[in-house]
Amino acid sequence: MITNLKLAGLLVLLFAASSLPAQITTEAADTPILQRRCNSVALTTDTPLLPYRLIAPYFERRPDFQASKLILVADPNSADAAVQLTASTGLDTRMVVTNRLTGQRSSVISDWTNYPGMVALDAIEQLKLVCPGSVIEVRKERQVVLCSMPHLVYRPVHTLAACSHTSWMENRELYDALRSDAEVKRLSINLRPACSSAEAVLEVTHNLQTTVEWYWKLKSPQGDTSSAGHVIAYTGKDAAIRMVGQVMHESAIARGDVSLDTDSGLPTAARGTMMPRTLKVKLLPSDFTIRDTSLELYVDSEQVSARDTRGNLVFQFAVRDFRDARLEMEWERPLQMDFPIGLIAWTANAGDHWFDPVTIRGGEMPFNHGALFLSGALGTISYVTVGAVTAQVRTPWHRLELAWDKDGVVNTAALQVPRRGSKELVRDLQMASAAPPACVVTNADIH
């Protein structure tokens, strides 16, 4: 009997010991992380450098934000978490991230105001701290662009000629670019007359449908194309400079002076040169299908976007895809009057009925149409005189044209922009695209 009791007690102890790990595992899995998950985030910003329309897409486009199925809401009281952005000292941005379910809060100052994508990254990192388990980690592998560059055999070029096959570019512009290029001077290349025979001939053509796109070919004396490429520019002068730069860049690659590291050639803006800004502009469409032409242009170190008054996205491109810009001042005559058709017709009608009495409300007046004719003629003369004076009043307005390349497709946009800040915008964009292209089309050996 005692043995049976001991055996029963031992079985009870073994059962309790075997069930203990299962209880611990269950309690460990049932942690508050899953119960306190944040599903909605309220984003508020009080800094003019990062308005809501500019910074919100950077959150929504993040892979971890999408994978976590987080949503942005307008009302902070209905959100699980809140992200508040305010201006700090200088160009820094202070962000406060709060878990409204637990009250946990985190505050940090970001010095990446010029890069809204980095500000969004900092905010997500703070959201991971106050809302543990709410943001799913998404591994992003670094992708390296591989250029299909064949083996380049360098053959020294002693003579070079240029030939433009388009009326949009003069041969003089090509030769000015060649003479001013430092690499051409260093190699002491002899420039032959335009379109003449030489060891290498640089031929230029133009896309008449997309006038900002220019093509070039480097041909041998036998007419074989050794290399080719294209550039995007609004003027023939800028296109010539970029073409010569591409040709000499390939020559440096063939000599082994330049590596094929494509990351070094990506056009990116230097930090601090592209301050986020918002401009009130008007779209200048090529047709009349777009009625709402009032836009807000957002520019930062990562992208350029334009939205209409309803918040709809009109166009958007990354700064690395920007290729060229042109800012021109044009004149308009806002006080120019229309031709007085109605006044002239009324005066002519009075002249046709010169001696007829004037009838007003069924009664005849004591004068005829002669008085009306004289008053109409005087009014016409006064109108034309005043109109001739006011028509001379001209006011300037600025036209900004942008060109960018996305997946091999060239896009352009024309905008009416304010005078203040436009030159600085063009300068910053030009600096962002000053780097050489990542890949240049090469078909054969370079000579």
Foldseek 3Di string as FASTA:
>chain_A
DVVVVVVVVVVVVVVVVVCVVVVVVVVVVPDCLVVLAWAEEEEEEDDQLQHCLRLVVLQVPDPQSVVLNHYYDHDPVPGQKYWYWYQDPDRKIKIKIAGPVVGDIDIDIGPQSLPSNVVSVVNVVRCCVRNPPSTDDDDDDDDADDFPDDQAAADDFQEEAEEEPDPQADSVLLVVLLVPDPLCVVSNHHYDYHPDAGQWYKYKDADPVQRQKIKIFIAGNVGDTFFIFMAGEDHNNVRSNLVVVVLVVQNCVNVVNDDLRLVVQQQFFDPPLFRWDKFFWFFDDPDPPDDQGTWIWITGRFKIWIATPVSDTDDMDTLSQWGAKDKDKDKDQPLADDQPPVLVVQLVVLVVFVQDFDADPRDTDPHGSVVVNVVSVVVNVVVVVVNVVSRVDMDMWMKMKTWGADPNDIDMTIITGDPPPPVSVRVSSCSSHVGRHSYGGGDHHRD
